[in-house]
C-alpha atoms as a PDB file:
ATOM      1  CA  MET A   1     108.226  54.656 162.981  1.00  0.00           C
ATOM      2  CA  SER A   2     104.610  53.532 162.255  1.00  0.00           C
ATOM      3  CA  VAL A   3     102.191  54.302 164.835  1.00  0.00           C
ATOM      4  CA  TYR A   4      99.269  51.650 165.524  1.00  0.00           C
ATOM      5  CA  LEU A   5      95.791  51.330 167.756  1.00  0.00           C
ATOM      6  CA  THR A   6      95.711  47.483 167.951  1.00  0.00           C
ATOM      7  CA  LEU A   7      92.036  45.878 167.702  1.00  0.00           C
ATOM      8  CA  ARG A   8      92.274  45.611 171.751  1.00  0.00           C
ATOM      9  CA  ASP A   9      93.441  49.440 172.124  1.00  0.00           C
ATOM     10  CA  ARG A  10      90.293  50.306 169.669  1.00  0.00           C
ATOM     11  CA  GLN A  11      88.150  47.812 171.314  1.00  0.00           C
ATOM     12  CA  PRO A  12      86.821  50.072 174.490  1.00  0.00           C
ATOM     13  CA  TYR A  13      86.110  53.214 171.872  1.00  0.00           C
ATOM     14  CA  TYR A  14      83.424  51.111 169.412  1.00  0.00           C
ATOM     15  CA  SER A  15      80.638  51.614 172.223  1.00  0.00           C
ATOM     16  CA  LEU A  16      81.764  54.848 173.560  1.00  0.00           C
ATOM     17  CA  LEU A  17      81.792  56.424 169.994  1.00  0.00           C
ATOM     18  CA  ALA A  18      78.319  54.624 168.541  1.00  0.00           C
ATOM     19  CA  ASP A  19      76.223  57.916 169.120  1.00  0.00           C
ATOM     20  CA  TYR A  20      79.459  60.435 167.775  1.00  0.00           C
ATOM     21  CA  GLU A  21      79.208  60.005 163.968  1.00  0.00           C
ATOM     22  CA  PRO A  22      83.173  61.581 163.476  1.00  0.00           C
ATOM     23  CA  GLY A  23      83.923  58.764 166.280  1.00  0.00           C
ATOM     24  CA  GLN A  24      82.340  55.860 164.131  1.00  0.00           C
ATOM     25  CA  ARG A  25      84.013  57.458 160.656  1.00  0.00           C
ATOM     26  CA  ALA A  26      87.647  57.176 162.620  1.00  0.00           C
ATOM     27  CA  MET A  27      86.819  53.859 163.929  1.00  0.00           C
ATOM     28  CA  SER A  28      85.888  52.462 160.498  1.00  0.00           C
ATOM     29  CA  ALA A  29      89.009  54.435 158.961  1.00  0.00           C
ATOM     30  CA  LEU A  30      91.110  52.749 161.505  1.00  0.00           C
ATOM     31  CA  ASP A  31      89.970  49.393 160.749  1.00  0.00           C
ATOM     32  CA  ALA A  32      90.233  49.946 157.167  1.00  0.00           C
ATOM     33  CA  HIS A  33      94.266  50.481 157.860  1.00  0.00           C
ATOM     34  CA  ASN A  34      94.476  47.759 160.420  1.00  0.00           C
ATOM     35  CA  GLY A  35      94.938  50.317 163.180  1.00  0.00           C
ATOM     36  CA  ASN A  36      97.665  52.661 161.361  1.00  0.00           C
ATOM     37  CA  VAL A  37      97.270  56.024 162.583  1.00  0.00           C
ATOM     38  CA  GLU A  38      99.386  57.708 160.165  1.00  0.00           C
ATOM     39  CA  THR A  39      97.951  56.527 157.157  1.00  0.00           C
ATOM     40  CA  THR A  40      94.264  56.631 158.786  1.00  0.00           C
ATOM     41  CA  VAL A  41      94.918  60.254 159.399  1.00  0.00           C
ATOM     42  CA  GLU A  42      96.273  60.866 155.875  1.00  0.00           C
ATOM     43  CA  ASP A  43      93.210  59.249 154.582  1.00  0.00           C
ATOM     44  CA  LEU A  44      90.543  61.112 156.676  1.00  0.00           C
ATOM     45  CA  TRP A  45      92.379  64.334 155.512  1.00  0.00           C
ATOM     46  CA  SER A  46      92.371  63.386 151.789  1.00  0.00           C
ATOM     47  CA  GLN A  47      88.898  62.895 152.093  1.00  0.00           C
ATOM     48  CA  THR A  48      88.231  66.319 153.607  1.00  0.00           C
ATOM     49  CA  GLN A  49      90.830  68.635 152.533  1.00  0.00           C
ATOM     50  CA  GLY A  50      92.412  66.735 149.322  1.00  0.00           C
ATOM     51  CA  PRO A  51      95.670  64.989 149.248  1.00  0.00           C
ATOM     52  CA  PRO A  52      98.153  66.700 151.342  1.00  0.00           C
ATOM     53  CA  GLU A  53     100.854  68.493 149.843  1.00  0.00           C
ATOM     54  CA  PHE A  54     104.193  68.968 151.358  1.00  0.00           C
ATOM     55  CA  SER A  55     107.787  69.630 150.495  1.00  0.00           C
ATOM     56  CA  ARG A  56     109.836  66.819 150.300  1.00  0.00           C
ATOM     57  CA  GLY A  57     110.667  64.347 153.283  1.00  0.00           C
ATOM     58  CA  ARG A  58     107.500  65.891 155.219  1.00  0.00           C
ATOM     59  CA  LYS A  59     104.664  64.062 156.327  1.00  0.00           C
ATOM     60  CA  LEU A  60     101.124  65.254 157.277  1.00  0.00           C
ATOM     61  CA  TRP A  61     101.495  62.975 160.834  1.00  0.00           C
ATOM     62  CA  ASP A  62     104.567  64.618 161.530  1.00  0.00           C
ATOM     63  CA  THR A  63     103.438  68.474 160.810  1.00  0.00           C
ATOM     64  CA  LEU A  64     100.175  67.641 162.551  1.00  0.00           C
ATOM     65  CA  ILE A  65     101.658  66.253 165.580  1.00  0.00           C
ATOM     66  CA  LYS A  66     103.749  68.886 166.230  1.00  0.00           C
ATOM     67  CA  VAL A  67     101.261  71.826 165.780  1.00  0.00           C
ATOM     68  CA  LEU A  68      98.932  69.962 168.076  1.00  0.00           C
ATOM     69  CA  ARG A  69     101.571  69.647 170.366  1.00  0.00           C
ATOM     70  CA  GLU A  70     102.131  73.474 170.719  1.00  0.00           C
ATOM     71  CA  GLU A  71      98.449  73.681 171.347  1.00  0.00           C
ATOM     72  CA  LEU A  72      97.874  71.066 173.927  1.00  0.00           C
ATOM     73  CA  CYS A  73     100.924  70.887 175.848  1.00  0.00           C
ATOM     74  CA  GLY A  74     100.530  74.583 176.819  1.00  0.00           C
ATOM     75  CA  ASP A  75      96.814  74.519 177.344  1.00  0.00           C
ATOM     76  CA  GLU A  76      95.729  73.726 180.953  1.00  0.00           C
ATOM     77  CA  GLY A  77      92.502  73.272 180.275  1.00  0.00           C
ATOM     78  CA  LEU A  78      92.688  70.332 177.569  1.00  0.00           C
ATOM     79  CA  GLN A  79      95.201  68.712 179.936  1.00  0.00           C
ATOM     80  CA  ALA A  80      92.570  68.818 182.578  1.00  0.00           C
ATOM     81  CA  GLN A  81      90.128  67.630 180.145  1.00  0.00           C
ATOM     82  CA  PHE A  82      92.411  64.544 179.459  1.00  0.00           C
ATOM     83  CA  GLN A  83      92.673  64.245 183.261  1.00  0.00           C
ATOM     84  CA  LYS A  84      88.977  63.987 184.044  1.00  0.00           C
ATOM     85  CA  TYR A  85      88.588  61.533 181.202  1.00  0.00           C
ATOM     86  CA  THR A  86      91.871  59.417 182.138  1.00  0.00           C
ATOM     87  CA  ARG A  87      89.800  59.457 185.678  1.00  0.00           C
ATOM     88  CA  ASN A  88      86.650  58.196 184.073  1.00  0.00           C
ATOM     89  CA  PRO A  89      87.336  56.021 180.705  1.00  0.00           C
ATOM     90  CA  GLY A  90      83.760  54.813 180.488  1.00  0.00           C
ATOM     91  CA  SER A  91      82.263  58.287 179.944  1.00  0.00           C
ATOM     92  CA  ALA A  92      81.354  59.036 176.402  1.00  0.00           C
ATOM     93  CA  PRO A  93      80.232  62.369 177.004  1.00  0.00           C
ATOM     94  CA  LEU A  94      83.914  63.226 178.280  1.00  0.00           C
ATOM     95  CA  LEU A  95      85.369  61.902 175.343  1.00  0.00           C
ATOM     96  CA  THR A  96      83.692  63.372 172.848  1.00  0.00           C
ATOM     97  CA  GLY A  97      84.098  66.627 174.684  1.00  0.00           C
ATOM     98  CA  LEU A  98      87.827  66.002 174.637  1.00  0.00           C
ATOM     99  CA  ILE A  99      87.507  65.322 170.624  1.00  0.00           C
ATOM    100  CA  VAL A 100      85.758  68.501 170.373  1.00  0.00           C
ATOM    101  CA  SER A 101      88.105  70.449 172.430  1.00  0.00           C
ATOM    102  CA  LEU A 102      91.051  68.784 170.618  1.00  0.00           C
ATOM    103  CA  THR A 103      89.471  69.980 166.893  1.00  0.00           C
ATOM    104  CA  THR A 104      88.670  73.653 168.320  1.00  0.00           C
ATOM    105  CA  ALA A 105      91.659  74.097 170.303  1.00  0.00           C
ATOM    106  CA  ALA A 106      94.410  74.145 167.393  1.00  0.00           C
ATOM    107  CA  GLY A 107      92.481  76.730 164.845  1.00  0.00           C
ATOM    108  CA  LEU A 108      93.326  73.972 162.013  1.00  0.00           C
ATOM    109  CA  PRO A 109      90.670  72.924 159.685  1.00  0.00           C
ATOM    110  CA  ILE A 110      90.889  69.241 161.444  1.00  0.00           C
ATOM    111  CA  ASP A 111      88.275  66.928 160.893  1.00  0.00           C
ATOM    112  CA  PRO A 112      86.501  65.793 164.091  1.00  0.00           C
ATOM    113  CA  ALA A 113      87.245  62.271 162.953  1.00  0.00           C
ATOM    114  CA  ILE A 114      90.908  62.926 162.591  1.00  0.00           C
ATOM    115  CA  SER A 115      90.887  64.624 166.299  1.00  0.00           C
ATOM    116  CA  THR A 116      89.138  61.480 167.469  1.00  0.00           C
ATOM    117  CA  VAL A 117      92.368  59.156 166.218  1.00  0.00           C
ATOM    118  CA  VAL A 118      94.557  61.867 167.453  1.00  0.00           C
ATOM    119  CA  ILE A 119      92.758  61.497 170.999  1.00  0.00           C
ATOM    120  CA  LEU A 120      92.817  58.014 170.910  1.00  0.00           C
ATOM    121  CA  TYR A 121      96.732  57.845 170.068  1.00  0.00           C
ATOM    122  CA  ILE A 122      97.410  60.262 172.759  1.00  0.00           C
ATOM    123  CA  LEU A 123      95.312  58.403 175.319  1.00  0.00           C
ATOM    124  CA  LYS A 124      97.094  54.793 174.398  1.00  0.00           C
ATOM    125  CA  ILE A 125     100.788  56.567 174.854  1.00  0.00           C
ATOM    126  CA  GLY A 126      99.745  59.122 177.736  1.00  0.00           C
ATOM    127  CA  LEU A 127      99.557  62.661 177.459  1.00  0.00           C
ATOM    128  CA  ASN A 128     102.950  63.457 179.306  1.00  0.00           C
ATOM    129  CA  VAL A 129     104.693  60.902 176.851  1.00  0.00           C
ATOM    130  CA  PHE A 130     103.209  62.577 173.887  1.00  0.00           C
ATOM    131  CA  CYS A 131     104.293  66.213 175.239  1.00  0.00           C
ATOM    132  CA  GLU A 132     107.606  65.343 176.087  1.00  0.00           C
ATOM    133  CA  TYR A 133     109.027  62.188 174.245  1.00  0.00           C
ATOM    134  CA  THR A 134     107.227  62.558 170.720  1.00  0.00           C
ATOM    135  CA  ALA A 135     108.657  66.241 170.565  1.00  0.00           C
ATOM    136  CA  SER A 136     111.868  64.837 169.971  1.00  0.00           C
ATOM    137  CA  SER A 137     110.467  63.112 166.720  1.00  0.00           C
END
């Protein structure tokens, strides 16, 4: 199942991420892929890490989400940052802080532009849905 951030979903973030270079790269990549989150992540990953190599049937998106779910859903500090941002969604510093926290929390070589795309996806579906519903995918 493909995951999309529509133009309407993305619209509020253009100005919030205007001064954050990784955010600008993420938004440009999302635009280039018509909001398809999975292909955007694969493209951004390929730009920094080379083409992903997984065993047959495995996808970068599924693996990345599994690892990030394990990190994020058990981290009360990151969850608190999500709550602060959702209470004040117009705050660029809270949004970029959330992106940076996700980038460093996973302990993986995740480009901040990829973290931006993942954060926007989680903000769209909600943290509780990300931690519970997507765990079965």
